């Protein structure tokens, strides 16, 4: 994985190797390797998106799982904060019911994947569930306001001549 002699022009670390290297660093408690992995994620944070596959560390759910499982040590906080900020931003619902519905559609595709329960940590699953409930409340509240306005427009009595003139 990290053998520069076999591929001298290759990057020392890439997204493909990130998760196995980070898990190795966690297993053998190699702080410098953890820092390398988290720094790589921070430097390439633009790649962390909900559209990424659930098997990729570029997916914010997997990135959050890796941070939770492999990088909880206090001395890693300065390195983990930028990655957590990106993950939190990716898991923050947008405003507006149309954008929120699209966001929920992306999350629905991930949450209903057969791999979700296996790959995403319980802590991250709880965050996702809490956020989904919050977005659903917001979307439903907006829908009930729209429905009420539609009802009032359809069922309001016509104005009498004396009222409009």
N, C-alpha and C. Protein backbone atom coordinates (compact mmCIF):
# COMPACT_ATOMS: atom_id res chain seq x y z
N UNK A 1 0.80 -1.20 0.00
CA UNK A 1 0.00 0.00 0.00
C UNK A 1 0.85 1.26 0.00
N UNK A 2 1.81 1.32 0.89
CA UNK A 2 2.63 2.52 1.00
C UNK A 2 4.07 2.27 0.57
N UNK A 3 4.27 1.41 -0.40
CA UNK A 3 5.61 1.06 -0.85
C UNK A 3 5.99 1.91 -2.05
N UNK A 4 6.76 2.99 -1.85
CA UNK A 4 7.13 3.87 -2.96
C UNK A 4 8.08 3.21 -3.95
N UNK A 5 8.75 2.14 -3.57
CA UNK A 5 9.68 1.48 -4.49
C UNK A 5 8.94 0.79 -5.62
N UNK A 6 7.77 0.24 -5.34
CA UNK A 6 7.03 -0.47 -6.38
C UNK A 6 6.41 0.48 -7.40
N UNK A 7 6.02 1.67 -6.97
CA UNK A 7 5.46 2.68 -7.87
C UNK A 7 5.99 4.05 -7.46
N UNK A 8 7.18 4.39 -7.88
CA UNK A 8 7.81 5.63 -7.41
C UNK A 8 7.04 6.91 -7.76
N UNK A 9 6.26 6.90 -8.84
CA UNK A 9 5.55 8.12 -9.21
C UNK A 9 4.15 8.18 -8.60
N UNK A 10 3.71 7.14 -7.94
CA UNK A 10 2.37 7.11 -7.35
C UNK A 10 2.33 7.91 -6.05
N UNK A 11 1.14 8.36 -5.72
CA UNK A 11 0.95 9.08 -4.46
C UNK A 11 1.15 8.11 -3.30
N UNK A 12 1.62 8.63 -2.19
CA UNK A 12 1.84 7.79 -1.01
C UNK A 12 0.50 7.25 -0.50
N UNK A 13 -0.54 8.05 -0.63
CA UNK A 13 -1.86 7.65 -0.15
C UNK A 13 -2.90 8.15 -1.15
N UNK A 14 -3.96 7.40 -1.32
CA UNK A 14 -5.07 7.84 -2.15
C UNK A 14 -6.37 7.37 -1.52
N UNK A 15 -7.50 7.77 -2.10
CA UNK A 15 -8.79 7.42 -1.53
C UNK A 15 -8.99 5.90 -1.48
N UNK A 16 -8.49 5.22 -2.48
CA UNK A 16 -8.68 3.77 -2.55
C UNK A 16 -8.03 3.06 -1.36
N UNK A 17 -6.86 3.53 -0.95
CA UNK A 17 -6.12 2.88 0.15
C UNK A 17 -6.39 3.50 1.52
N UNK A 18 -7.11 4.60 1.55
CA UNK A 18 -7.26 5.34 2.80
C UNK A 18 -7.86 4.51 3.93
N UNK A 19 -8.99 3.88 3.69
CA UNK A 19 -9.64 3.14 4.78
C UNK A 19 -8.79 2.00 5.31
N UNK A 20 -8.20 1.14 4.45
CA UNK A 20 -7.37 0.07 5.02
C UNK A 20 -6.15 0.60 5.78
N UNK A 21 -5.56 1.68 5.31
CA UNK A 21 -4.40 2.25 6.00
C UNK A 21 -4.83 2.82 7.35
N UNK A 22 -5.96 3.51 7.37
CA UNK A 22 -6.44 4.09 8.63
C UNK A 22 -6.81 2.99 9.63
N UNK A 23 -7.43 1.94 9.17
CA UNK A 23 -7.77 0.83 10.08
C UNK A 23 -6.51 0.13 10.59
N UNK A 24 -5.49 0.03 9.74
CA UNK A 24 -4.21 -0.53 10.16
C UNK A 24 -3.57 0.36 11.23
N UNK A 25 -3.60 1.66 11.00
CA UNK A 25 -3.06 2.62 11.97
C UNK A 25 -3.79 2.52 13.30
N UNK A 26 -5.10 2.31 13.23
CA UNK A 26 -5.88 2.17 14.46
C UNK A 26 -5.56 0.86 15.17
N UNK A 27 -5.46 -0.21 14.42
CA UNK A 27 -5.19 -1.53 15.01
C UNK A 27 -3.86 -1.55 15.76
N UNK A 28 -2.84 -0.95 15.15
CA UNK A 28 -1.50 -0.97 15.75
C UNK A 28 -1.15 0.34 16.45
N UNK A 29 -2.14 1.21 16.62
CA UNK A 29 -1.97 2.48 17.33
C UNK A 29 -0.79 3.29 16.79
N UNK A 30 -0.82 3.56 15.50
CA UNK A 30 0.24 4.32 14.83
C UNK A 30 -0.29 5.74 14.56
N UNK A 31 -0.02 6.63 15.49
CA UNK A 31 -0.56 7.98 15.42
C UNK A 31 -0.14 8.71 14.15
N UNK A 32 1.11 8.60 13.77
CA UNK A 32 1.59 9.33 12.60
C UNK A 32 0.85 8.87 11.34
N UNK A 33 0.49 7.62 11.26
CA UNK A 33 -0.26 7.11 10.11
C UNK A 33 -1.71 7.61 10.14
N UNK A 34 -2.26 7.70 11.34
CA UNK A 34 -3.61 8.29 11.47
C UNK A 34 -3.59 9.74 11.00
N UNK A 35 -2.57 10.47 11.43
CA UNK A 35 -2.45 11.88 11.04
C UNK A 35 -2.32 11.99 9.53
N UNK A 36 -1.55 11.12 8.91
CA UNK A 36 -1.39 11.12 7.46
C UNK A 36 -2.75 10.94 6.78
N UNK A 37 -3.52 9.97 7.25
CA UNK A 37 -4.82 9.69 6.64
C UNK A 37 -5.80 10.85 6.83
N UNK A 38 -5.88 11.37 8.03
CA UNK A 38 -6.81 12.46 8.31
C UNK A 38 -6.37 13.72 7.55
N UNK A 39 -5.08 13.96 7.47
CA UNK A 39 -4.57 15.11 6.71
C UNK A 39 -4.91 14.96 5.23
N UNK A 40 -4.81 13.75 4.72
CA UNK A 40 -5.18 13.50 3.32
C UNK A 40 -6.66 13.85 3.10
N UNK A 41 -7.49 13.40 4.04
CA UNK A 41 -8.92 13.70 3.93
C UNK A 41 -9.18 15.20 4.00
N UNK A 42 -8.47 15.89 4.88
CA UNK A 42 -8.65 17.34 5.01
C UNK A 42 -8.20 18.06 3.75
N UNK A 43 -7.09 17.62 3.17
CA UNK A 43 -6.58 18.26 1.95
C UNK A 43 -7.47 17.99 0.74
N UNK A 44 -8.21 16.89 0.78
CA UNK A 44 -9.07 16.51 -0.34
C UNK A 44 -10.55 16.55 0.05
N UNK A 45 -10.87 17.46 0.95
CA UNK A 45 -12.23 17.52 1.49
C UNK A 45 -13.29 17.83 0.45
N UNK A 46 -12.91 18.44 -0.66
CA UNK A 46 -13.89 18.73 -1.72
C UNK A 46 -14.44 17.45 -2.34
N UNK A 47 -13.73 16.35 -2.16
CA UNK A 47 -14.18 15.06 -2.70
C UNK A 47 -15.25 14.39 -1.84
N UNK A 48 -15.44 14.86 -0.62
CA UNK A 48 -16.38 14.22 0.31
C UNK A 48 -17.78 14.73 0.00
N UNK A 49 -18.61 13.82 -0.58
CA UNK A 49 -19.96 14.19 -1.03
C UNK A 49 -20.93 13.05 -0.79
N UNK A 50 -22.18 13.39 -0.57
CA UNK A 50 -23.22 12.38 -0.38
C UNK A 50 -23.44 11.52 -1.62
N UNK A 51 -23.08 12.03 -2.78
CA UNK A 51 -23.27 11.29 -4.02
C UNK A 51 -22.30 10.12 -4.16
N UNK A 52 -21.26 10.10 -3.36
CA UNK A 52 -20.26 9.02 -3.46
C UNK A 52 -20.85 7.70 -2.96
N UNK A 53 -20.28 6.63 -3.45
CA UNK A 53 -20.71 5.28 -3.07
C UNK A 53 -20.59 5.07 -1.57
N UNK A 54 -21.47 4.27 -1.03
CA UNK A 54 -21.45 3.96 0.39
C UNK A 54 -20.22 3.13 0.78
N UNK A 55 -19.52 2.60 -0.17
CA UNK A 55 -18.31 1.83 0.12
C UNK A 55 -17.05 2.70 0.09
N UNK A 56 -17.21 3.97 -0.22
CA UNK A 56 -16.06 4.87 -0.38
C UNK A 56 -15.86 5.76 0.84
N UNK A 57 -14.61 5.99 1.24
CA UNK A 57 -14.35 6.94 2.33
C UNK A 57 -14.66 8.38 1.90
N UNK A 58 -14.96 8.60 0.61
CA UNK A 58 -15.37 9.92 0.15
C UNK A 58 -16.84 10.19 0.49
N UNK A 59 -17.56 9.17 0.89
CA UNK A 59 -18.94 9.35 1.33
C UNK A 59 -18.91 9.89 2.76
N UNK A 60 -19.65 10.96 3.07
CA UNK A 60 -19.57 11.55 4.41
C UNK A 60 -19.99 10.60 5.53
N UNK A 61 -20.86 9.65 5.24
CA UNK A 61 -21.26 8.69 6.28
C UNK A 61 -20.10 7.77 6.63
N UNK A 62 -19.35 7.37 5.63
CA UNK A 62 -18.18 6.51 5.86
C UNK A 62 -17.05 7.34 6.48
N UNK A 63 -16.86 8.56 6.00
CA UNK A 63 -15.83 9.43 6.58
C UNK A 63 -16.12 9.67 8.06
N UNK A 64 -17.38 9.93 8.41
CA UNK A 64 -17.74 10.13 9.82
C UNK A 64 -17.52 8.86 10.62
N UNK A 65 -17.84 7.72 10.04
CA UNK A 65 -17.63 6.44 10.71
C UNK A 65 -16.14 6.22 10.98
N UNK A 66 -15.31 6.51 10.00
CA UNK A 66 -13.86 6.35 10.17
C UNK A 66 -13.33 7.29 11.26
N UNK A 67 -13.81 8.53 11.27
CA UNK A 67 -13.37 9.48 12.30
C UNK A 67 -13.78 8.97 13.68
N UNK A 68 -15.00 8.47 13.78
CA UNK A 68 -15.52 7.98 15.06
C UNK A 68 -14.77 6.73 15.54
N UNK A 69 -14.51 5.81 14.63
CA UNK A 69 -13.92 4.52 15.02
C UNK A 69 -12.40 4.55 15.13
N UNK A 70 -11.74 5.35 14.32
CA UNK A 70 -10.28 5.28 14.25
C UNK A 70 -9.55 6.53 14.73
N UNK A 71 -10.27 7.62 14.93
CA UNK A 71 -9.58 8.89 15.21
C UNK A 71 -10.18 9.65 16.38
N UNK A 72 -10.59 8.93 17.41
CA UNK A 72 -11.23 9.57 18.57
C UNK A 72 -10.23 10.09 19.60
N UNK A 73 -8.94 9.88 19.39
CA UNK A 73 -7.93 10.31 20.35
C UNK A 73 -7.86 11.84 20.40
N UNK A 74 -7.80 12.41 21.61
CA UNK A 74 -7.78 13.87 21.76
C UNK A 74 -6.63 14.55 21.01
N UNK A 75 -5.49 13.89 20.93
CA UNK A 75 -4.35 14.52 20.24
C UNK A 75 -4.58 14.66 18.73
N UNK A 76 -5.59 13.97 18.20
CA UNK A 76 -5.91 14.07 16.77
C UNK A 76 -6.92 15.17 16.46
N UNK A 77 -7.47 15.80 17.50
CA UNK A 77 -8.51 16.81 17.31
C UNK A 77 -8.16 17.88 16.27
N UNK A 78 -6.96 18.46 16.31
CA UNK A 78 -6.66 19.50 15.31
C UNK A 78 -6.72 18.98 13.87
N UNK A 79 -6.45 17.71 13.69
CA UNK A 79 -6.46 17.12 12.35
C UNK A 79 -7.87 16.68 11.94
N UNK A 80 -8.64 16.26 12.93
CA UNK A 80 -9.98 15.72 12.67
C UNK A 80 -11.01 16.83 12.46
N UNK A 81 -10.82 17.98 13.10
CA UNK A 81 -11.80 19.07 13.04
C UNK A 81 -12.16 19.48 11.61
N UNK A 82 -11.20 19.69 10.70
CA UNK A 82 -11.58 20.08 9.34
C UNK A 82 -12.41 19.00 8.63
N UNK A 83 -12.07 17.75 8.86
CA UNK A 83 -12.82 16.66 8.23
C UNK A 83 -14.23 16.60 8.81
N UNK A 84 -14.34 16.72 10.13
CA UNK A 84 -15.67 16.71 10.75
C UNK A 84 -16.51 17.89 10.29
N UNK A 85 -15.89 19.03 10.06
CA UNK A 85 -16.63 20.20 9.57
C UNK A 85 -17.23 19.92 8.19
N UNK A 86 -16.46 19.27 7.32
CA UNK A 86 -16.94 18.92 5.98
C UNK A 86 -18.07 17.90 6.08
N UNK A 87 -17.87 16.91 6.93
CA UNK A 87 -18.89 15.88 7.13
C UNK A 87 -20.18 16.51 7.67
N UNK A 88 -20.05 17.38 8.66
CA UNK A 88 -21.23 18.04 9.23
C UNK A 88 -21.94 18.89 8.19
N UNK A 89 -21.18 19.58 7.35
CA UNK A 89 -21.79 20.39 6.29
C UNK A 89 -22.54 19.50 5.30
N UNK A 90 -21.94 18.36 4.96
CA UNK A 90 -22.59 17.44 4.02
C UNK A 90 -23.85 16.83 4.61
N UNK A 91 -23.91 16.72 5.93
CA UNK A 91 -25.07 16.13 6.59
C UNK A 91 -26.03 17.18 7.15
N UNK A 92 -25.86 18.42 6.72
CA UNK A 92 -26.77 19.48 7.14
C UNK A 92 -27.79 19.69 6.04
N UNK A 93 -29.04 19.63 6.41
CA UNK A 93 -30.11 19.76 5.43
C UNK A 93 -30.17 21.18 4.88
N UNK A 94 -30.38 21.31 3.59
CA UNK A 94 -30.53 22.64 3.00
C UNK A 94 -31.88 23.24 3.40
N UNK A 95 -32.08 24.50 3.10
CA UNK A 95 -33.37 25.14 3.37
C UNK A 95 -34.22 25.10 2.11
N UNK A 96 -35.49 25.19 2.30
CA UNK A 96 -36.42 25.13 1.17
C UNK A 96 -36.90 23.70 0.95
N UNK A 97 -38.20 23.54 0.80
CA UNK A 97 -38.76 22.19 0.74
C UNK A 97 -38.27 21.40 -0.47
N UNK A 98 -38.05 22.04 -1.61
CA UNK A 98 -37.57 21.31 -2.78
C UNK A 98 -36.16 20.78 -2.55
N UNK A 99 -35.28 21.62 -2.03
CA UNK A 99 -33.90 21.19 -1.74
C UNK A 99 -33.89 20.13 -0.64
N UNK A 100 -34.77 20.27 0.34
CA UNK A 100 -34.84 19.29 1.41
C UNK A 100 -35.31 17.93 0.90
N UNK A 101 -36.27 17.95 -0.01
CA UNK A 101 -36.74 16.68 -0.59
C UNK A 101 -35.64 16.00 -1.39
N UNK A 102 -34.87 16.78 -2.15
CA UNK A 102 -33.75 16.21 -2.91
C UNK A 102 -32.71 15.63 -1.96
N UNK A 103 -32.43 16.35 -0.89
CA UNK A 103 -31.47 15.89 0.12
C UNK A 103 -31.94 14.58 0.74
N UNK A 104 -33.22 14.52 1.08
CA UNK A 104 -33.77 13.30 1.67
C UNK A 104 -33.72 12.14 0.67
N UNK A 105 -33.88 12.44 -0.60
CA UNK A 105 -33.77 11.39 -1.62
C UNK A 105 -32.38 10.79 -1.67
N UNK A 106 -31.36 11.65 -1.56
CA UNK A 106 -29.97 11.16 -1.53
C UNK A 106 -29.74 10.27 -0.31
N UNK A 107 -30.21 10.75 0.83
CA UNK A 107 -30.03 9.97 2.06
C UNK A 107 -30.84 8.67 2.02
N UNK A 108 -32.03 8.73 1.44
CA UNK A 108 -32.85 7.52 1.35
C UNK A 108 -32.12 6.44 0.57
N UNK A 109 -31.47 6.83 -0.52
CA UNK A 109 -30.73 5.85 -1.32
C UNK A 109 -29.61 5.20 -0.50
N UNK A 110 -28.96 5.98 0.35
CA UNK A 110 -27.88 5.43 1.18
C UNK A 110 -28.42 4.58 2.32
N UNK A 111 -29.44 5.08 3.00
CA UNK A 111 -29.98 4.41 4.18
C UNK A 111 -30.65 3.09 3.82
N UNK A 112 -31.22 3.00 2.64
CA UNK A 112 -31.89 1.76 2.23
C UNK A 112 -30.96 0.76 1.58
N UNK A 113 -29.71 1.13 1.43
CA UNK A 113 -28.72 0.19 0.87
C UNK A 113 -28.53 -0.98 1.84
N UNK A 114 -28.38 -2.19 1.30
CA UNK A 114 -28.12 -3.34 2.18
C UNK A 114 -26.81 -3.20 2.96
N UNK A 115 -25.91 -2.36 2.50
CA UNK A 115 -24.61 -2.18 3.16
C UNK A 115 -24.65 -1.16 4.30
N UNK A 116 -25.70 -0.36 4.36
CA UNK A 116 -25.77 0.74 5.32
C UNK A 116 -25.55 0.28 6.76
N UNK A 117 -26.29 -0.70 7.20
CA UNK A 117 -26.20 -1.17 8.60
C UNK A 117 -24.83 -1.77 8.90
N UNK A 118 -24.20 -2.32 7.89
CA UNK A 118 -22.89 -2.96 8.08
C UNK A 118 -21.75 -1.94 8.09
N UNK A 119 -21.81 -0.95 7.21
CA UNK A 119 -20.68 -0.04 7.01
C UNK A 119 -20.73 1.23 7.85
N UNK A 120 -21.91 1.69 8.18
CA UNK A 120 -22.06 2.97 8.89
C UNK A 120 -22.22 2.68 10.38
N UNK A 121 -21.41 3.35 11.19
CA UNK A 121 -21.41 3.10 12.63
C UNK A 121 -22.74 3.50 13.26
N UNK A 122 -23.09 2.88 14.39
CA UNK A 122 -24.34 3.24 15.08
C UNK A 122 -24.42 4.72 15.45
N UNK A 123 -23.31 5.32 15.83
CA UNK A 123 -23.31 6.75 16.16
C UNK A 123 -23.68 7.61 14.96
N UNK A 124 -23.13 7.28 13.80
CA UNK A 124 -23.44 8.03 12.58
C UNK A 124 -24.88 7.75 12.16
N UNK A 125 -25.33 6.51 12.30
CA UNK A 125 -26.72 6.18 11.98
C UNK A 125 -27.68 7.01 12.82
N UNK A 126 -27.36 7.19 14.09
CA UNK A 126 -28.21 7.99 14.98
C UNK A 126 -28.25 9.45 14.52
N UNK A 127 -27.10 9.99 14.11
CA UNK A 127 -27.05 11.37 13.59
C UNK A 127 -27.92 11.51 12.35
N UNK A 128 -27.81 10.53 11.45
CA UNK A 128 -28.59 10.56 10.21
C UNK A 128 -30.08 10.50 10.53
N UNK A 129 -30.47 9.61 11.43
CA UNK A 129 -31.88 9.48 11.79
C UNK A 129 -32.42 10.76 12.40
N UNK A 130 -31.66 11.36 13.29
CA UNK A 130 -32.08 12.61 13.93
C UNK A 130 -32.26 13.71 12.89
N UNK A 131 -31.32 13.80 11.97
CA UNK A 131 -31.39 14.82 10.94
C UNK A 131 -32.56 14.56 9.99
N UNK A 132 -32.81 13.29 9.63
CA UNK A 132 -33.93 12.96 8.76
C UNK A 132 -35.27 13.33 9.40
N UNK A 133 -35.41 13.05 10.68
CA UNK A 133 -36.65 13.40 11.38
C UNK A 133 -36.83 14.91 11.39
N UNK A 134 -35.76 15.65 11.61
CA UNK A 134 -35.82 17.11 11.61
C UNK A 134 -36.25 17.63 10.24
N UNK A 135 -35.67 17.09 9.18
CA UNK A 135 -36.02 17.52 7.82
C UNK A 135 -37.47 17.15 7.51
N UNK A 136 -37.88 15.96 7.91
CA UNK A 136 -39.26 15.54 7.67
C UNK A 136 -40.24 16.47 8.38
N UNK A 137 -39.93 16.86 9.60
CA UNK A 137 -40.78 17.81 10.32
C UNK A 137 -40.90 19.12 9.56
N UNK A 138 -39.77 19.60 9.06
CA UNK A 138 -39.74 20.86 8.32
C UNK A 138 -40.54 20.76 7.02
N UNK A 139 -40.34 19.68 6.28
CA UNK A 139 -41.05 19.49 5.01
C UNK A 139 -42.55 19.34 5.26
N UNK A 140 -42.91 18.58 6.28
CA UNK A 140 -44.33 18.38 6.58
C UNK A 140 -44.99 19.67 7.06
N UNK A 141 -44.28 20.47 7.83
CA UNK A 141 -44.82 21.75 8.28
C UNK A 141 -45.06 22.67 7.09
N UNK A 142 -44.10 22.70 6.17
CA UNK A 142 -44.26 23.52 4.97
C UNK A 142 -45.42 23.01 4.12
N UNK A 143 -45.56 21.70 4.02
CA UNK A 143 -46.65 21.12 3.23
C UNK A 143 -48.01 21.44 3.86
N UNK A 144 -48.10 21.42 5.18
CA UNK A 144 -49.38 21.72 5.83
C UNK A 144 -49.75 23.19 5.66
N UNK A 145 -48.77 24.08 5.67
CA UNK A 145 -49.03 25.50 5.43
C UNK A 145 -49.54 25.69 4.01
N UNK A 146 -48.89 25.04 3.04
CA UNK A 146 -49.32 25.13 1.64
C UNK A 146 -50.73 24.57 1.48
N UNK A 147 -51.01 23.44 2.12
CA UNK A 147 -52.34 22.83 2.02
C UNK A 147 -53.40 23.74 2.63
N UNK A 148 -53.08 24.36 3.76
CA UNK A 148 -54.02 25.28 4.41
C UNK A 148 -54.30 26.48 3.51
N UNK A 149 -53.26 27.02 2.89
CA UNK A 149 -53.44 28.16 1.99
C UNK A 149 -54.28 27.77 0.78
N UNK A 150 -54.03 26.60 0.22
CA UNK A 150 -54.82 26.12 -0.92
C UNK A 150 -56.29 25.96 -0.52
N UNK A 151 -56.52 25.39 0.64
CA UNK A 151 -57.88 25.19 1.13
C UNK A 151 -58.59 26.53 1.29
N UNK A 152 -57.90 27.48 1.89
CA UNK A 152 -58.51 28.79 2.12
C UNK A 152 -58.83 29.48 0.80
N UNK A 153 -57.96 29.34 -0.19
CA UNK A 153 -58.22 29.96 -1.48
C UNK A 153 -59.41 29.31 -2.17
N UNK A 154 -59.54 28.00 -2.04
CA UNK A 154 -60.62 27.28 -2.71
C UNK A 154 -61.96 27.45 -2.00
N UNK A 155 -61.93 27.67 -0.70
CA UNK A 155 -63.17 27.69 0.07
C UNK A 155 -63.52 29.07 0.65
N UNK A 156 -62.85 30.09 0.25
CA UNK A 156 -63.19 31.42 0.77
C UNK A 156 -64.44 31.90 0.03
N UNK A 157 -65.34 32.55 0.74
CA UNK A 157 -66.58 33.01 0.10
C UNK A 157 -66.27 34.12 -0.91
N UNK A 158 -67.03 34.17 -1.98
CA UNK A 158 -66.81 35.25 -2.96
C UNK A 158 -67.16 36.60 -2.32
N UNK A 159 -66.48 37.62 -2.76
CA UNK A 159 -66.72 38.96 -2.22
C UNK A 159 -68.05 39.50 -2.76
N UNK A 160 -68.82 40.11 -1.89
CA UNK A 160 -70.06 40.76 -2.33
C UNK A 160 -69.70 42.11 -2.93
N UNK A 161 -70.56 42.63 -3.74
CA UNK A 161 -70.28 43.90 -4.42
C UNK A 161 -69.98 45.02 -3.44
N UNK A 162 -70.67 45.06 -2.34
CA UNK A 162 -70.47 46.13 -1.36
C UNK A 162 -69.09 46.02 -0.73
N UNK A 163 -68.55 44.81 -0.64
CA UNK A 163 -67.24 44.61 -0.02
C UNK A 163 -66.09 44.98 -0.95
N UNK A 164 -66.30 44.80 -2.24
CA UNK A 164 -65.18 45.06 -3.15
C UNK A 164 -65.17 46.48 -3.69
N UNK A 165 -66.24 47.18 -3.63
CA UNK A 165 -66.30 48.53 -4.20
C UNK A 165 -66.19 49.60 -3.18
